[in-house]
Amino acid sequence: MKTETEAERAEPVCPSAAAGGPVSTAIARVARLHRTAAGKLLKGAGLYPGQELMMMHLWESGAVRQSELIRMVELDPSTVTKMLQRLEQAGHVRRRPDPADRRAVLVEATDDSNDLMNAVERAWTDLEKRTLAGLDPDERAQLGRLLSRVEANLCVETADCPNVSR
């Protein structure tokens, strides 16, 4: 009788309906686990996963129209509105009418969010170390290149993928 090796026991079972997509299944599992790990690290900063990405855009861009922020983070407008409400209540963002178009809303990071930026930087550095533990520099570089190609392939299927060069 064949005995199972340690590696075979550790490898997740691919559902039969996903048998034609083992890499896609692995990507889905990794994405879920990465988001969970990020959530645990960001919790100490008082953030939920995804809020840090929005804040990163605001720290980089300065004040932007809410509609532009929605496009940048590629999320549903109602999701962005809820995230902004929470970030505004926490004092990390400020929303105000756009002086050039009073119908539009400008969103910007507050000066008080600078401490948050440092916490996010630490969390993402820690997440990167945990995510890539055991990979040597060449493997890390190769993984980055491969994921960029996968992302570009998937962007072909979308109408708008601004962060990827094709």
Protein backbone atom coordinates (compact mmCIF):
# COMPACT_ATOMS: atom_id res chain seq x y z
CA MET A 1 0.00 0.00 0.00
CA LYS A 2 1.31 3.45 -0.96
CA THR A 3 1.94 5.81 1.94
CA GLU A 4 1.40 9.46 1.57
CA THR A 5 4.43 11.77 1.84
CA GLU A 6 4.49 14.87 3.99
CA ALA A 7 4.24 17.08 0.87
CA GLU A 8 1.23 15.16 -0.46
CA ARG A 9 -0.57 15.58 2.88
CA ALA A 10 0.18 19.31 2.91
CA GLU A 11 -1.03 19.91 -0.66
CA PRO A 12 -4.68 21.03 -0.72
CA VAL A 13 -7.11 18.87 -2.61
CA CYS A 14 -8.44 20.48 -5.76
CA PRO A 15 -12.25 20.12 -6.01
CA SER A 16 -13.29 17.90 -8.92
CA ALA A 17 -15.20 20.77 -10.55
CA ALA A 18 -11.92 22.72 -10.63
CA ALA A 19 -9.83 19.84 -12.01
CA GLY A 20 -9.36 21.77 -15.26
CA GLY A 21 -7.98 24.78 -13.38
CA PRO A 22 -5.48 23.78 -10.69
CA VAL A 23 -3.47 27.01 -11.08
CA SER A 24 -6.62 29.14 -10.91
CA THR A 25 -7.63 27.24 -7.77
CA ALA A 26 -4.22 27.87 -6.24
CA ILE A 27 -4.40 31.58 -7.11
CA ALA A 28 -7.84 31.84 -5.47
CA ARG A 29 -6.56 30.11 -2.31
CA VAL A 30 -3.42 32.27 -2.17
CA ALA A 31 -5.41 35.48 -2.71
CA ARG A 32 -7.81 34.58 0.11
CA LEU A 33 -4.97 33.69 2.49
CA HIS A 34 -3.02 36.83 1.56
CA ARG A 35 -6.06 39.02 2.26
CA THR A 36 -6.60 37.23 5.60
CA ALA A 37 -2.95 37.71 6.60
CA ALA A 38 -3.11 41.37 5.54
CA GLY A 39 -6.26 41.81 7.62
CA LYS A 40 -4.55 40.48 10.72
CA LEU A 41 -1.59 42.83 10.25
CA LEU A 42 -3.75 45.87 9.45
CA LYS A 43 -6.10 45.29 12.37
CA GLY A 44 -3.53 46.85 14.70
CA ALA A 45 -3.72 50.04 12.64
CA GLY A 46 -7.53 50.00 12.81
CA LEU A 47 -7.97 49.18 9.12
CA TYR A 48 -9.83 46.53 7.17
CA PRO A 49 -8.27 44.94 4.08
CA GLY A 50 -8.67 47.23 1.10
CA GLN A 51 -8.74 50.44 3.13
CA GLU A 52 -4.94 50.58 3.09
CA LEU A 53 -4.93 50.43 -0.72
CA MET A 54 -7.31 53.38 -0.85
CA MET A 55 -5.14 55.30 1.59
CA MET A 56 -2.03 54.49 -0.48
CA HIS A 57 -3.70 56.09 -3.51
CA LEU A 58 -4.62 59.16 -1.49
CA TRP A 59 -1.14 59.53 0.01
CA GLU A 60 0.38 59.33 -3.47
CA SER A 61 -2.17 61.44 -5.35
CA GLY A 62 -3.26 64.06 -2.86
CA ALA A 63 -6.84 65.28 -3.20
CA VAL A 64 -8.77 63.45 -5.93
CA ARG A 65 -12.38 63.34 -6.99
CA GLN A 66 -14.27 60.48 -5.38
CA SER A 67 -15.19 59.22 -8.86
CA GLU A 68 -11.50 59.09 -9.77
CA LEU A 69 -10.67 57.26 -6.55
CA ILE A 70 -13.35 54.67 -7.38
CA ARG A 71 -11.68 54.15 -10.76
CA MET A 72 -8.22 53.91 -9.18
CA VAL A 73 -9.15 51.26 -6.61
CA GLU A 74 -11.39 49.38 -9.06
CA LEU A 75 -14.17 48.76 -6.54
CA ASP A 76 -17.93 49.21 -6.56
CA PRO A 77 -18.95 52.83 -5.78
CA SER A 78 -21.07 51.76 -2.79
CA THR A 79 -18.10 49.83 -1.34
CA VAL A 80 -15.83 52.87 -1.73
CA THR A 81 -18.45 55.13 -0.12
CA LYS A 82 -18.71 52.81 2.91
CA MET A 83 -14.92 52.60 3.18
CA LEU A 84 -14.60 56.39 2.99
CA GLN A 85 -17.26 56.84 5.68
CA ARG A 86 -15.28 54.61 8.05
CA LEU A 87 -11.97 56.29 7.18
CA GLU A 88 -13.55 59.72 7.60
CA GLN A 89 -15.00 58.77 11.01
CA ALA A 90 -11.54 57.61 12.06
CA GLY A 91 -10.07 60.96 10.98
CA HIS A 92 -7.92 59.55 8.15
CA VAL A 93 -9.69 61.21 5.21
CA ARG A 94 -11.59 64.38 4.53
CA ARG A 95 -14.27 64.87 1.86
CA ARG A 96 -15.29 68.27 0.52
CA PRO A 97 -16.98 69.75 -2.54
CA ASP A 98 -14.69 70.26 -5.54
CA PRO A 99 -14.38 74.05 -6.05
CA ALA A 100 -14.16 73.49 -9.83
CA ASP A 101 -17.40 71.48 -9.86
CA ARG A 102 -19.57 71.70 -6.75
CA ARG A 103 -21.40 68.48 -7.79
CA ALA A 104 -18.14 66.50 -7.44
CA VAL A 105 -16.52 65.49 -4.15
CA LEU A 106 -12.80 65.71 -3.43
CA VAL A 107 -11.25 63.16 -1.09
CA GLU A 108 -7.89 63.61 0.59
CA ALA A 109 -5.82 62.06 3.34
CA THR A 110 -5.64 64.15 6.49
CA ASP A 111 -2.40 65.23 8.12
CA ASP A 112 -3.40 62.97 11.02
CA SER A 113 -3.11 59.95 8.70
CA ASN A 114 0.71 60.21 8.60
CA ASP A 115 1.01 57.84 11.58
CA LEU A 116 -1.33 55.49 9.76
CA MET A 117 0.94 55.61 6.70
CA ASN A 118 3.86 54.42 8.84
CA ALA A 119 1.74 51.59 10.26
CA VAL A 120 0.63 50.53 6.76
CA GLU A 121 4.24 50.56 5.52
CA ARG A 122 5.26 48.32 8.44
CA ALA A 123 2.31 45.97 7.87
CA TRP A 124 3.05 45.61 4.15
CA THR A 125 6.75 45.05 4.80
CA ASP A 126 5.87 42.34 7.32
CA LEU A 127 3.31 40.83 4.93
CA GLU A 128 5.92 40.70 2.17
CA LYS A 129 8.41 38.94 4.44
CA ARG A 130 5.83 36.38 5.56
CA THR A 131 4.48 35.85 2.05
CA LEU A 132 7.88 35.26 0.46
CA ALA A 133 9.56 33.41 3.34
CA GLY A 134 11.74 30.59 2.05
CA LEU A 135 12.08 32.04 -1.45
CA ASP A 136 15.54 33.20 -2.56
CA PRO A 137 15.96 36.55 -4.39
CA ASP A 138 15.86 34.90 -7.84
CA GLU A 139 12.65 33.03 -6.99
CA ARG A 140 11.10 36.25 -5.67
CA ALA A 141 11.98 38.09 -8.87
CA GLN A 142 10.68 35.23 -11.00
CA LEU A 143 7.43 35.09 -9.04
CA GLY A 144 6.98 38.84 -9.53
CA ARG A 145 7.52 38.51 -13.28
CA LEU A 146 5.14 35.54 -13.56
CA LEU A 147 2.41 37.27 -11.56
CA SER A 148 2.76 40.37 -13.76
CA ARG A 149 2.25 38.21 -16.84
CA VAL A 150 -0.77 36.51 -15.27
CA GLU A 151 -2.22 39.91 -14.39
CA ALA A 152 -1.66 41.17 -17.94
CA ASN A 153 -3.35 38.05 -19.33
CA LEU A 154 -6.37 38.63 -17.11
CA CYS A 155 -6.51 42.32 -18.04
CA VAL A 156 -7.12 41.35 -21.64
CA GLU A 157 -10.53 40.16 -20.42
CA THR A 158 -11.39 43.49 -18.79
CA ALA A 159 -12.42 46.80 -20.29
CA ASP A 160 -10.07 48.82 -18.10
CA CYS A 161 -6.90 47.72 -16.36
CA PRO A 162 -4.91 50.93 -15.83
CA ASN A 163 -2.10 49.51 -13.66
CA VAL A 164 -0.75 47.01 -16.21
CA SER A 165 1.22 47.71 -19.35
CA ARG A 166 0.22 45.50 -22.25
